[in-house]
Structure formats: structure tokens, C-alpha cells
Amino acid sequence: MIWRLYPECRVYIDGRADIYGDPFINEYLRIEGGEPGWDASLSLDGVQIVLIEPGSSLAKDLRQSQDWEIAFSDEQSILFVHR
């Protein structure tokens, strides 16, 4: 995604955990785990699109939110877009 969409779309996080630092990774894990305030954190960081595994806690929360809609899904991923 970084190679194809940058600079129009910026990636919030990817698999290179070592470059983000522990505080950011911990915040991401809190968001991905669906802990209270996950939606405010995404909003504060300006996240408009989420691509995640369909079975994750965050995917469950995004499905239930009126602020997000599913743009695509398959067995491996689900793409949410902020309304």
C-alpha cells in the first residue's frame, strides 16, 4: 500500500514495528483491541480508511459503528471507510 498509494494515502502502521517505537505500538494495540476510546484515537490521528483482518476486535467495533462503512471484504481482509 505504501508503494502504490503514497503520498495521496498515508499508511498509519505496517509490519515494521521496530521503526514506530513502543509508545506508538502500544497505542495501536489498544485501538486494534477495541479498548475504550479507539474511535477517538482514530479520529484524532485523521484515519479515514482501515484495512484489517475480518476477525479482529477492531473490525467488530467498526462494523457496529455508524461512522464507518464496509467498502470491501473477503476471507482475509476487510476495508472500512469513514463516513
PDB file of N, CA and C in Angstrom:
ATOM      1  N   MET A   1       0.813  -1.188   0.000  1.00  0.00           N
ATOM      2  CA  MET A   1       0.000   0.000   0.000  1.00  0.00           C
ATOM      3  C   MET A   1       0.859   1.255   0.000  1.00  0.00           C
ATOM      4  N   ILE A   2       1.932   1.226   0.763  1.00  0.00           N
ATOM      5  CA  ILE A   2       2.810   2.393   0.812  1.00  0.00           C
ATOM      6  C   ILE A   2       3.359   2.696  -0.581  1.00  0.00           C
ATOM      7  N   TRP A   3       3.812   1.661  -1.275  1.00  0.00           N
ATOM      8  CA  TRP A   3       4.436   1.859  -2.582  1.00  0.00           C
ATOM      9  C   TRP A   3       3.434   2.353  -3.620  1.00  0.00           C
ATOM     10  N   ARG A   4       2.186   1.932  -3.527  1.00  0.00           N
ATOM     11  CA  ARG A   4       1.196   2.268  -4.547  1.00  0.00           C
ATOM     12  C   ARG A   4       0.408   3.547  -4.258  1.00  0.00           C
ATOM     13  N   LEU A   5       0.170   3.844  -2.996  1.00  0.00           N
ATOM     14  CA  LEU A   5      -0.760   4.920  -2.659  1.00  0.00           C
ATOM     15  C   LEU A   5      -0.114   6.199  -2.123  1.00  0.00           C
ATOM     16  N   TYR A   6       1.124   6.116  -1.678  1.00  0.00           N
ATOM     17  CA  TYR A   6       1.796   7.298  -1.141  1.00  0.00           C
ATOM     18  C   TYR A   6       2.107   8.270  -2.277  1.00  0.00           C
ATOM     19  N   PRO A   7       1.952   9.539  -2.127  1.00  0.00           N
ATOM     20  CA  PRO A   7       1.644  10.312  -0.930  1.00  0.00           C
ATOM     21  C   PRO A   7       0.159  10.628  -0.750  1.00  0.00           C
ATOM     22  N   GLU A   8      -0.691  10.235  -1.696  1.00  0.00           N
ATOM     23  CA  GLU A   8      -2.117  10.557  -1.563  1.00  0.00           C
ATOM     24  C   GLU A   8      -2.725   9.926  -0.313  1.00  0.00           C
ATOM     25  N   CYS A   9      -2.334   8.704  -0.039  1.00  0.00           N
ATOM     26  CA  CYS A   9      -2.793   7.999   1.161  1.00  0.00           C
ATOM     27  C   CYS A   9      -1.575   7.615   1.977  1.00  0.00           C
ATOM     28  N   ARG A  10      -1.621   7.959   3.242  1.00  0.00           N
ATOM     29  CA  ARG A  10      -0.513   7.617   4.129  1.00  0.00           C
ATOM     30  C   ARG A  10      -0.921   6.437   4.998  1.00  0.00           C
ATOM     31  N   VAL A  11      -0.014   5.505   5.187  1.00  0.00           N
ATOM     32  CA  VAL A  11      -0.260   4.318   5.995  1.00  0.00           C
ATOM     33  C   VAL A  11      -0.019   4.654   7.462  1.00  0.00           C
ATOM     34  N   TYR A  12      -0.976   4.286   8.297  1.00  0.00           N
ATOM     35  CA  TYR A  12      -0.895   4.552   9.739  1.00  0.00           C
ATOM     36  C   TYR A  12       0.136   3.651  10.400  1.00  0.00           C
ATOM     37  N   ILE A  13       0.117   2.362  10.054  1.00  0.00           N
ATOM     38  CA  ILE A  13       1.066   1.396  10.607  1.00  0.00           C
ATOM     39  C   ILE A  13       1.201   0.244   9.626  1.00  0.00           C
ATOM     40  N   ASP A  14       2.365  -0.396   9.643  1.00  0.00           N
ATOM     41  CA  ASP A  14       2.594  -1.586   8.831  1.00  0.00           C
ATOM     42  C   ASP A  14       3.378  -2.598   9.657  1.00  0.00           C
ATOM     43  N   GLY A  15       3.933  -3.590   9.033  1.00  0.00           N
ATOM     44  CA  GLY A  15       4.604  -4.664   9.751  1.00  0.00           C
ATOM     45  C   GLY A  15       5.970  -4.337  10.303  1.00  0.00           C
ATOM     46  N   ARG A  16       6.457  -3.142  10.084  1.00  0.00           N
ATOM     47  CA  ARG A  16       7.800  -2.773  10.555  1.00  0.00           C
ATOM     48  C   ARG A  16       7.724  -2.149  11.945  1.00  0.00           C
ATOM     49  N   ALA A  17       7.385  -2.950  12.930  1.00  0.00           N
ATOM     50  CA  ALA A  17       7.153  -2.450  14.292  1.00  0.00           C
ATOM     51  C   ALA A  17       8.373  -1.726  14.865  1.00  0.00           C
ATOM     52  N   ASP A  18       9.556  -2.123  14.489  1.00  0.00           N
ATOM     53  CA  ASP A  18      10.761  -1.536  15.062  1.00  0.00           C
ATOM     54  C   ASP A  18      10.928  -0.054  14.743  1.00  0.00           C
ATOM     55  N   ILE A  19      10.318   0.444  13.672  1.00  0.00           N
ATOM     56  CA  ILE A  19      10.503   1.860  13.334  1.00  0.00           C
ATOM     57  C   ILE A  19       9.497   2.780  14.022  1.00  0.00           C
ATOM     58  N   TYR A  20       8.454   2.229  14.607  1.00  0.00           N
ATOM     59  CA  TYR A  20       7.403   3.048  15.207  1.00  0.00           C
ATOM     60  C   TYR A  20       7.646   3.367  16.679  1.00  0.00           C
ATOM     61  N   GLY A  21       8.338   2.515  17.381  1.00  0.00           N
ATOM     62  CA  GLY A  21       8.597   2.726  18.792  1.00  0.00           C
ATOM     63  C   GLY A  21       7.490   2.152  19.666  1.00  0.00           C
ATOM     64  N   ASP A  22       7.857   1.815  20.885  1.00  0.00           N
ATOM     65  CA  ASP A  22       6.926   1.165  21.808  1.00  0.00           C
ATOM     66  C   ASP A  22       5.673   1.976  22.127  1.00  0.00           C
ATOM     67  N   PRO A  23       5.768   3.284  22.394  1.00  0.00           N
ATOM     68  CA  PRO A  23       4.541   4.027  22.718  1.00  0.00           C
ATOM     69  C   PRO A  23       3.504   3.974  21.592  1.00  0.00           C
ATOM     70  N   PHE A  24       3.949   4.122  20.346  1.00  0.00           N
ATOM     71  CA  PHE A  24       3.017   4.072  19.227  1.00  0.00           C
ATOM     72  C   PHE A  24       2.435   2.674  19.059  1.00  0.00           C
ATOM     73  N   ILE A  25       3.273   1.659  19.152  1.00  0.00           N
ATOM     74  CA  ILE A  25       2.807   0.280  19.023  1.00  0.00           C
ATOM     75  C   ILE A  25       1.791  -0.030  20.108  1.00  0.00           C
ATOM     76  N   ASN A  26       2.045   0.407  21.328  1.00  0.00           N
ATOM     77  CA  ASN A  26       1.094   0.169  22.423  1.00  0.00           C
ATOM     78  C   ASN A  26      -0.240   0.863  22.153  1.00  0.00           C
ATOM     79  N   GLU A  27      -0.204   2.071  21.607  1.00  0.00           N
ATOM     80  CA  GLU A  27      -1.437   2.774  21.257  1.00  0.00           C
ATOM     81  C   GLU A  27      -2.178   2.029  20.148  1.00  0.00           C
ATOM     82  N   TYR A  28      -1.440   1.559  19.147  1.00  0.00           N
ATOM     83  CA  TYR A  28      -2.068   0.789  18.081  1.00  0.00           C
ATOM     84  C   TYR A  28      -2.722  -0.478  18.638  1.00  0.00           C
ATOM     85  N   LEU A  29      -2.046  -1.178  19.510  1.00  0.00           N
ATOM     86  CA  LEU A  29      -2.611  -2.405  20.089  1.00  0.00           C
ATOM     87  C   LEU A  29      -3.872  -2.105  20.889  1.00  0.00           C
ATOM     88  N   ARG A  30      -3.906  -0.960  21.554  1.00  0.00           N
ATOM     89  CA  ARG A  30      -5.098  -0.544  22.282  1.00  0.00           C
ATOM     90  C   ARG A  30      -6.255  -0.311  21.313  1.00  0.00           C
ATOM     91  N   ILE A  31      -5.981   0.360  20.203  1.00  0.00           N
ATOM     92  CA  ILE A  31      -7.002   0.627  19.181  1.00  0.00           C
ATOM     93  C   ILE A  31      -7.453  -0.681  18.548  1.00  0.00           C
ATOM     94  N   GLU A  32      -6.498  -1.505  18.121  1.00  0.00           N
ATOM     95  CA  GLU A  32      -6.810  -2.762  17.445  1.00  0.00           C
ATOM     96  C   GLU A  32      -7.577  -3.717  18.360  1.00  0.00           C
ATOM     97  N   GLY A  33      -7.329  -3.604  19.648  1.00  0.00           N
ATOM     98  CA  GLY A  33      -8.028  -4.440  20.626  1.00  0.00           C
ATOM     99  C   GLY A  33      -9.418  -3.939  20.962  1.00  0.00           C
ATOM    100  N   GLY A  34      -9.788  -2.787  20.415  1.00  0.00           N
ATOM    101  CA  GLY A  34     -11.118  -2.240  20.650  1.00  0.00           C
ATOM    102  C   GLY A  34     -11.316  -1.679  22.041  1.00  0.00           C
ATOM    103  N   GLU A  35     -10.245  -1.267  22.675  1.00  0.00           N
ATOM    104  CA  GLU A  35     -10.359  -0.696  24.014  1.00  0.00           C
ATOM    105  C   GLU A  35     -11.080   0.647  23.955  1.00  0.00           C
ATOM    106  N   PRO A  36     -11.710   1.049  25.046  1.00  0.00           N
ATOM    107  CA  PRO A  36     -12.444   2.323  25.060  1.00  0.00           C
ATOM    108  C   PRO A  36     -11.587   3.477  24.535  1.00  0.00           C
ATOM    109  N   GLY A  37     -12.205   4.293  23.683  1.00  0.00           N
ATOM    110  CA  GLY A  37     -11.514   5.429  23.098  1.00  0.00           C
ATOM    111  C   GLY A  37     -10.854   5.125  21.769  1.00  0.00           C
ATOM    112  N   TRP A  38     -11.017   3.894  21.265  1.00  0.00           N
ATOM    113  CA  TRP A  38     -10.384   3.541  19.986  1.00  0.00           C
ATOM    114  C   TRP A  38     -10.832   4.479  18.878  1.00  0.00           C
ATOM    115  N   ASP A  39     -12.132   4.834  18.881  1.00  0.00           N
ATOM    116  CA  ASP A  39     -12.677   5.686  17.830  1.00  0.00           C
ATOM    117  C   ASP A  39     -12.131   7.111  17.906  1.00  0.00           C
ATOM    118  N   ALA A  40     -11.977   7.619  19.109  1.00  0.00           N
ATOM    119  CA  ALA A  40     -11.415   8.959  19.283  1.00  0.00           C
ATOM    120  C   ALA A  40      -9.958   8.993  18.825  1.00  0.00           C
ATOM    121  N   SER A  41      -9.227   7.926  19.092  1.00  0.00           N
ATOM    122  CA  SER A  41      -7.821   7.865  18.670  1.00  0.00           C
ATOM    123  C   SER A  41      -7.707   7.860  17.152  1.00  0.00           C
ATOM    124  N   LEU A  42      -8.555   7.090  16.473  1.00  0.00           N
ATOM    125  CA  LEU A  42      -8.524   7.093  15.006  1.00  0.00           C
ATOM    126  C   LEU A  42      -8.883   8.470  14.462  1.00  0.00           C
ATOM    127  N   SER A  43      -9.881   9.087  15.061  1.00  0.00           N
ATOM    128  CA  SER A  43     -10.310  10.412  14.621  1.00  0.00           C
ATOM    129  C   SER A  43      -9.204  11.446  14.837  1.00  0.00           C
ATOM    130  N   LEU A  44      -8.591  11.414  16.004  1.00  0.00           N
ATOM    131  CA  LEU A  44      -7.517  12.350  16.341  1.00  0.00           C
ATOM    132  C   LEU A  44      -6.351  12.239  15.364  1.00  0.00           C
ATOM    133  N   ASP A  45      -6.061  11.009  14.939  1.00  0.00           N
ATOM    134  CA  ASP A  45      -4.956  10.792  14.012  1.00  0.00           C
ATOM    135  C   ASP A  45      -5.369  10.952  12.552  1.00  0.00           C
ATOM    136  N   GLY A  46      -6.641  11.280  12.298  1.00  0.00           N
ATOM    137  CA  GLY A  46      -7.098  11.530  10.943  1.00  0.00           C
ATOM    138  C   GLY A  46      -7.251  10.287  10.082  1.00  0.00           C
ATOM    139  N   VAL A  47      -7.437   9.134  10.707  1.00  0.00           N
ATOM    140  CA  VAL A  47      -7.576   7.883   9.961  1.00  0.00           C
ATOM    141  C   VAL A  47      -8.938   7.872   9.272  1.00  0.00           C
ATOM    142  N   GLN A  48      -8.943   7.658   7.968  1.00  0.00           N
ATOM    143  CA  GLN A  48     -10.166   7.647   7.168  1.00  0.00           C
ATOM    144  C   GLN A  48     -10.472   6.279   6.566  1.00  0.00           C
ATOM    145  N   ILE A  49      -9.463   5.414   6.484  1.00  0.00           N
ATOM    146  CA  ILE A  49      -9.601   4.086   5.896  1.00  0.00           C
ATOM    147  C   ILE A  49      -8.894   3.094   6.810  1.00  0.00           C
ATOM    148  N   VAL A  50      -9.543   1.949   7.053  1.00  0.00           N
ATOM    149  CA  VAL A  50      -8.941   0.895   7.862  1.00  0.00           C
ATOM    150  C   VAL A  50      -9.008  -0.404   7.080  1.00  0.00           C
ATOM    151  N   LEU A  51      -7.867  -1.045   6.892  1.00  0.00           N
ATOM    152  CA  LEU A  51      -7.772  -2.358   6.268  1.00  0.00           C
ATOM    153  C   LEU A  51      -7.254  -3.302   7.339  1.00  0.00           C
ATOM    154  N   ILE A  52      -8.060  -4.307   7.691  1.00  0.00           N
ATOM    155  CA  ILE A  52      -7.729  -5.151   8.830  1.00  0.00           C
ATOM    156  C   ILE A  52      -8.300  -6.555   8.636  1.00  0.00           C
ATOM    157  N   GLU A  53      -7.881  -7.483   9.481  1.00  0.00           N
ATOM    158  CA  GLU A  53      -8.398  -8.844   9.430  1.00  0.00           C
ATOM    159  C   GLU A  53      -9.857  -8.849   9.879  1.00  0.00           C
ATOM    160  N   PRO A  54     -10.717  -9.601   9.186  1.00  0.00           N
ATOM    161  CA  PRO A  54     -12.149  -9.591   9.497  1.00  0.00           C
ATOM    162  C   PRO A  54     -12.495 -10.043  10.916  1.00  0.00           C
ATOM    163  N   GLY A  55     -11.677 -10.893  11.516  1.00  0.00           N
ATOM    164  CA  GLY A  55     -11.993 -11.410  12.840  1.00  0.00           C
ATOM    165  C   GLY A  55     -11.440 -10.600  13.997  1.00  0.00           C
ATOM    166  N   SER A  56     -10.810  -9.479  13.715  1.00  0.00           N
ATOM    167  CA  SER A  56     -10.189  -8.691  14.781  1.00  0.00           C
ATOM    168  C   SER A  56     -11.244  -7.951  15.609  1.00  0.00           C
ATOM    169  N   SER A  57     -10.861  -7.579  16.807  1.00  0.00           N
ATOM    170  CA  SER A  57     -11.749  -6.799  17.674  1.00  0.00           C
ATOM    171  C   SER A  57     -12.104  -5.462  17.037  1.00  0.00           C
ATOM    172  N   LEU A  58     -11.125  -4.827  16.390  1.00  0.00           N
ATOM    173  CA  LEU A  58     -11.397  -3.541  15.756  1.00  0.00           C
ATOM    174  C   LEU A  58     -12.402  -3.696  14.617  1.00  0.00           C
ATOM    175  N   ALA A  59     -12.294  -4.760  13.833  1.00  0.00           N
ATOM    176  CA  ALA A  59     -13.259  -4.986  12.753  1.00  0.00           C
ATOM    177  C   ALA A  59     -14.667  -5.126  13.323  1.00  0.00           C
ATOM    178  N   LYS A  60     -14.789  -5.809  14.432  1.00  0.00           N
ATOM    179  CA  LYS A  60     -16.101  -5.949  15.084  1.00  0.00           C
ATOM    180  C   LYS A  60     -16.642  -4.582  15.485  1.00  0.00           C
ATOM    181  N   ASP A  61     -15.802  -3.768  16.095  1.00  0.00           N
ATOM    182  CA  ASP A  61     -16.230  -2.436  16.530  1.00  0.00           C
ATOM    183  C   ASP A  61     -16.579  -1.535  15.351  1.00  0.00           C
ATOM    184  N   LEU A  62     -15.794  -1.606  14.289  1.00  0.00           N
ATOM    185  CA  LEU A  62     -16.065  -0.789  13.110  1.00  0.00           C
ATOM    186  C   LEU A  62     -17.377  -1.202  12.446  1.00  0.00           C
ATOM    187  N   ARG A  63     -17.658  -2.510  12.427  1.00  0.00           N
ATOM    188  CA  ARG A  63     -18.935  -2.981  11.866  1.00  0.00           C
ATOM    189  C   ARG A  63     -20.125  -2.398  12.624  1.00  0.00           C
ATOM    190  N   GLN A  64     -19.971  -2.237  13.935  1.00  0.00           N
ATOM    191  CA  GLN A  64     -21.062  -1.761  14.786  1.00  0.00           C
ATOM    192  C   GLN A  64     -21.179  -0.238  14.811  1.00  0.00           C
ATOM    193  N   SER A  65     -20.156   0.448  14.344  1.00  0.00           N
ATOM    194  CA  SER A  65     -20.145   1.908  14.365  1.00  0.00           C
ATOM    195  C   SER A  65     -20.933   2.475  13.187  1.00  0.00           C
ATOM    196  N   GLN A  66     -21.704   3.500  13.457  1.00  0.00           N
ATOM    197  CA  GLN A  66     -22.425   4.193  12.392  1.00  0.00           C
ATOM    198  C   GLN A  66     -21.508   5.137  11.610  1.00  0.00           C
ATOM    199  N   ASP A  67     -20.305   5.349  12.111  1.00  0.00           N
ATOM    200  CA  ASP A  67     -19.362   6.265  11.467  1.00  0.00           C
ATOM    201  C   ASP A  67     -18.511   5.599  10.389  1.00  0.00           C
ATOM    202  N   TRP A  68     -18.591   4.277  10.280  1.00  0.00           N
ATOM    203  CA  TRP A  68     -17.759   3.539   9.339  1.00  0.00           C
ATOM    204  C   TRP A  68     -18.628   2.627   8.482  1.00  0.00           C
ATOM    205  N   GLU A  69     -18.218   2.437   7.227  1.00  0.00           N
ATOM    206  CA  GLU A  69     -18.926   1.514   6.354  1.00  0.00           C
ATOM    207  C   GLU A  69     -17.928   0.594   5.665  1.00  0.00           C
ATOM    208  N   ILE A  70     -18.398  -0.591   5.314  1.00  0.00           N
ATOM    209  CA  ILE A  70     -17.554  -1.568   4.646  1.00  0.00           C
ATOM    210  C   ILE A  70     -17.505  -1.238   3.159  1.00  0.00           C
ATOM    211  N   ALA A  71     -16.283  -1.100   2.647  1.00  0.00           N
ATOM    212  CA  ALA A  71     -16.091  -0.841   1.221  1.00  0.00           C
ATOM    213  C   ALA A  71     -15.724  -2.119   0.475  1.00  0.00           C
ATOM    214  N   PHE A  72     -15.122  -3.084   1.191  1.00  0.00           N
ATOM    215  CA  PHE A  72     -14.713  -4.344   0.595  1.00  0.00           C
ATOM    216  C   PHE A  72     -14.485  -5.343   1.709  1.00  0.00           C
ATOM    217  N   SER A  73     -14.760  -6.607   1.438  1.00  0.00           N
ATOM    218  CA  SER A  73     -14.386  -7.661   2.375  1.00  0.00           C
ATOM    219  C   SER A  73     -14.238  -8.988   1.657  1.00  0.00           C
ATOM    220  N   ASP A  74     -13.334  -9.801   2.166  1.00  0.00           N
ATOM    221  CA  ASP A  74     -13.190 -11.181   1.740  1.00  0.00           C
ATOM    222  C   ASP A  74     -12.742 -11.977   2.960  1.00  0.00           C
ATOM    223  N   GLU A  75     -12.268 -13.196   2.764  1.00  0.00           N
ATOM    224  CA  GLU A  75     -11.888 -14.033   3.899  1.00  0.00           C
ATOM    225  C   GLU A  75     -10.643 -13.532   4.637  1.00  0.00           C
ATOM    226  N   GLN A  76      -9.813 -12.761   3.954  1.00  0.00           N
ATOM    227  CA  GLN A  76      -8.541 -12.333   4.529  1.00  0.00           C
ATOM    228  C   GLN A  76      -8.525 -10.907   5.054  1.00  0.00           C
ATOM    229  N   SER A  77      -9.377 -10.053   4.513  1.00  0.00           N
ATOM    230  CA  SER A  77      -9.316  -8.642   4.900  1.00  0.00           C
ATOM    231  C   SER A  77     -10.677  -7.985   4.771  1.00  0.00           C
ATOM    232  N   ILE A  78     -10.786  -6.883   5.470  1.00  0.00           N
ATOM    233  CA  ILE A  78     -11.984  -6.059   5.372  1.00  0.00           C
ATOM    234  C   ILE A  78     -11.532  -4.600   5.339  1.00  0.00           C
ATOM    235  N   LEU A  79     -12.140  -3.835   4.445  1.00  0.00           N
ATOM    236  CA  LEU A  79     -11.774  -2.431   4.264  1.00  0.00           C
ATOM    237  C   LEU A  79     -12.940  -1.556   4.694  1.00  0.00           C
ATOM    238  N   PHE A  80     -12.684  -0.711   5.673  1.00  0.00           N
ATOM    239  CA  PHE A  80     -13.685   0.233   6.173  1.00  0.00           C
ATOM    240  C   PHE A  80     -13.313   1.631   5.732  1.00  0.00           C
ATOM    241  N   VAL A  81     -14.323   2.423   5.442  1.00  0.00           N
ATOM    242  CA  VAL A  81     -14.136   3.815   5.076  1.00  0.00           C
ATOM    243  C   VAL A  81     -14.969   4.666   6.042  1.00  0.00           C
ATOM    244  N   HIS A  82     -14.349   5.725   6.550  1.00  0.00           N
ATOM    245  CA  HIS A  82     -15.061   6.624   7.438  1.00  0.00           C
ATOM    246  C   HIS A  82     -16.102   7.411   6.654  1.00  0.00           C
ATOM    247  N   ARG A  83     -17.294   7.524   7.211  1.00  0.00           N
ATOM    248  CA  ARG A  83     -18.388   8.251   6.517  1.00  0.00           C
ATOM    249  C   ARG A  83     -18.246   9.743   6.663  1.00  0.00           C
TER     250      ARG A  83
END
